[in-house]
Amino acid sequence: MKKQKATRFPVVILVAGGILLIFAVFLFTMQTRPNPDDSQPTAPVSNQEEGSYPEIQRVSLGDAKAALDANTAVFVDVRDAGSFAEGHVPGSLSIPLVDLEDRLSELDTADWIITYCT
């Protein structure tokens, strides 16, 4: 009888350790995931923050999502074609940053244009 208990003890310890490890990984991933409900207010970009484009305003995640849902903005993905192919905002245009200046004529300046790179 003692022999059976002795062989079960390491199994119980391993199972309990595995469950604790899974729980710890779950908690870690939940804490490091960004919360999509956290939105920042739309504010002008400062010269310090983004270089020489003070006239360009940042768009909060909440405002961008609302524009996407209402179809009131044109989304332009400025990453390379490979990154765009891996995933992008539905309906967005792919105009890599290196080509943007040459392809500006493809965009209607009357539209609300939201560029993104992540």
Protein backbone atom coordinates (compact mmCIF):
# COMPACT_ATOMS: atom_id res chain seq x y z
CA MET A 1 0.00 0.00 0.00
CA LYS A 2 2.82 2.42 0.83
CA LYS A 3 4.47 1.69 -2.51
CA GLN A 4 1.32 2.78 -4.39
CA LYS A 5 1.13 6.08 -2.47
CA ALA A 6 4.83 6.71 -3.08
CA THR A 7 4.42 6.39 -6.88
CA ARG A 8 1.33 8.63 -6.96
CA PHE A 9 2.97 11.47 -5.05
CA PRO A 10 5.30 12.64 -7.90
CA VAL A 11 2.43 12.44 -10.40
CA VAL A 12 0.22 14.62 -8.20
CA ILE A 13 3.05 17.13 -7.76
CA LEU A 14 3.68 17.25 -11.53
CA VAL A 15 -0.01 17.71 -12.35
CA ALA A 16 -0.42 20.44 -9.73
CA GLY A 17 2.74 22.17 -10.96
CA GLY A 18 1.51 22.03 -14.55
CA ILE A 19 -1.83 23.56 -13.59
CA LEU A 20 -0.08 26.33 -11.67
CA LEU A 21 2.23 27.01 -14.62
CA ILE A 22 -0.70 27.25 -17.05
CA PHE A 23 -2.52 29.60 -14.67
CA ALA A 24 0.60 31.79 -14.30
CA VAL A 25 1.03 32.03 -18.10
CA PHE A 26 -2.65 32.92 -18.48
CA LEU A 27 -2.38 35.70 -15.89
CA PHE A 28 0.80 37.04 -17.48
CA THR A 29 -0.75 37.21 -20.97
CA MET A 30 -3.89 38.89 -19.64
CA GLN A 31 -1.84 41.59 -17.92
CA THR A 32 0.39 42.32 -20.91
CA ARG A 33 -2.39 42.45 -23.51
CA PRO A 34 -3.43 45.99 -24.46
CA ASN A 35 -7.02 46.81 -23.64
CA PRO A 36 -8.88 47.90 -26.81
CA ASP A 37 -11.29 49.94 -24.68
CA ASP A 38 -8.46 52.17 -23.50
CA SER A 39 -8.52 55.12 -25.84
CA GLN A 40 -6.57 58.30 -25.72
CA PRO A 41 -8.17 61.61 -26.61
CA THR A 42 -7.42 62.95 -30.05
CA ALA A 43 -4.75 65.58 -29.70
CA PRO A 44 -2.37 67.40 -32.01
CA VAL A 45 0.97 65.71 -32.40
CA SER A 46 3.74 67.67 -30.78
CA ASN A 47 6.93 68.51 -32.64
CA GLN A 48 8.95 66.66 -30.01
CA GLU A 49 6.89 63.52 -30.38
CA GLU A 50 6.64 63.12 -34.16
CA GLY A 51 9.21 65.35 -35.78
CA SER A 52 8.08 68.01 -38.22
CA TYR A 53 4.34 67.32 -38.61
CA PRO A 54 2.58 69.48 -36.01
CA GLU A 55 -0.48 69.89 -38.26
CA ILE A 56 -1.22 66.15 -38.23
CA GLN A 57 -3.48 65.02 -35.42
CA ARG A 58 -3.37 61.65 -33.71
CA VAL A 59 -6.54 59.59 -33.81
CA SER A 60 -7.48 57.59 -30.74
CA LEU A 61 -8.18 53.92 -31.11
CA GLY A 62 -11.81 54.54 -30.17
CA ASP A 63 -12.23 57.25 -32.82
CA ALA A 64 -10.54 55.09 -35.46
CA LYS A 65 -12.79 52.12 -34.62
CA ALA A 66 -15.88 54.33 -34.82
CA ALA A 67 -14.73 55.67 -38.21
CA LEU A 68 -14.13 52.12 -39.44
CA ASP A 69 -17.55 50.96 -38.26
CA ALA A 70 -19.30 53.98 -39.79
CA ASN A 71 -17.18 53.87 -42.96
CA THR A 72 -16.35 57.57 -42.56
CA ALA A 73 -12.59 57.35 -43.10
CA VAL A 74 -10.11 55.91 -45.57
CA PHE A 75 -7.51 53.73 -43.85
CA VAL A 76 -4.07 53.62 -45.44
CA ASP A 77 -1.60 50.96 -44.36
CA VAL A 78 1.89 52.39 -44.91
CA ARG A 79 3.77 49.16 -44.16
CA ASP A 80 5.45 47.09 -46.86
CA ALA A 81 3.36 44.77 -49.06
CA GLY A 82 4.43 41.65 -47.14
CA SER A 83 3.26 43.05 -43.82
CA PHE A 84 -0.01 44.17 -45.42
CA ALA A 85 -0.54 40.65 -46.80
CA GLU A 86 -0.06 39.17 -43.31
CA GLY A 87 -2.92 41.24 -41.92
CA HIS A 88 -4.49 44.67 -42.19
CA VAL A 89 -7.56 46.73 -41.35
CA PRO A 90 -10.44 45.45 -43.51
CA GLY A 91 -10.93 47.71 -46.53
CA SER A 92 -7.69 49.60 -46.04
CA LEU A 93 -5.45 50.65 -48.90
CA SER A 94 -1.85 49.50 -49.11
CA ILE A 95 0.47 52.39 -49.91
CA PRO A 96 3.93 51.69 -48.48
CA LEU A 97 5.54 54.72 -46.85
CA VAL A 98 8.33 54.75 -49.43
CA ASP A 99 5.69 55.15 -52.19
CA LEU A 100 3.34 57.50 -50.36
CA GLU A 101 4.59 60.77 -51.84
CA ASP A 102 4.34 59.41 -55.40
CA ARG A 103 0.86 57.95 -54.81
CA LEU A 104 -0.82 60.81 -52.93
CA SER A 105 -2.91 61.53 -56.04
CA GLU A 106 -4.75 58.23 -55.41
CA LEU A 107 -6.27 59.73 -52.25
CA ASP A 108 -9.12 62.22 -52.09
CA THR A 109 -8.06 65.05 -49.80
CA ALA A 110 -11.73 65.67 -48.93
CA ASP A 111 -11.79 62.25 -47.18
CA TRP A 112 -10.70 61.66 -43.61
CA ILE A 113 -7.49 59.71 -44.19
CA ILE A 114 -6.12 57.63 -41.33
CA THR A 115 -2.67 56.16 -41.86
CA TYR A 116 -1.28 53.37 -39.72
CA CYS A 117 1.81 51.21 -39.57
CA THR A 118 1.10 48.56 -36.94
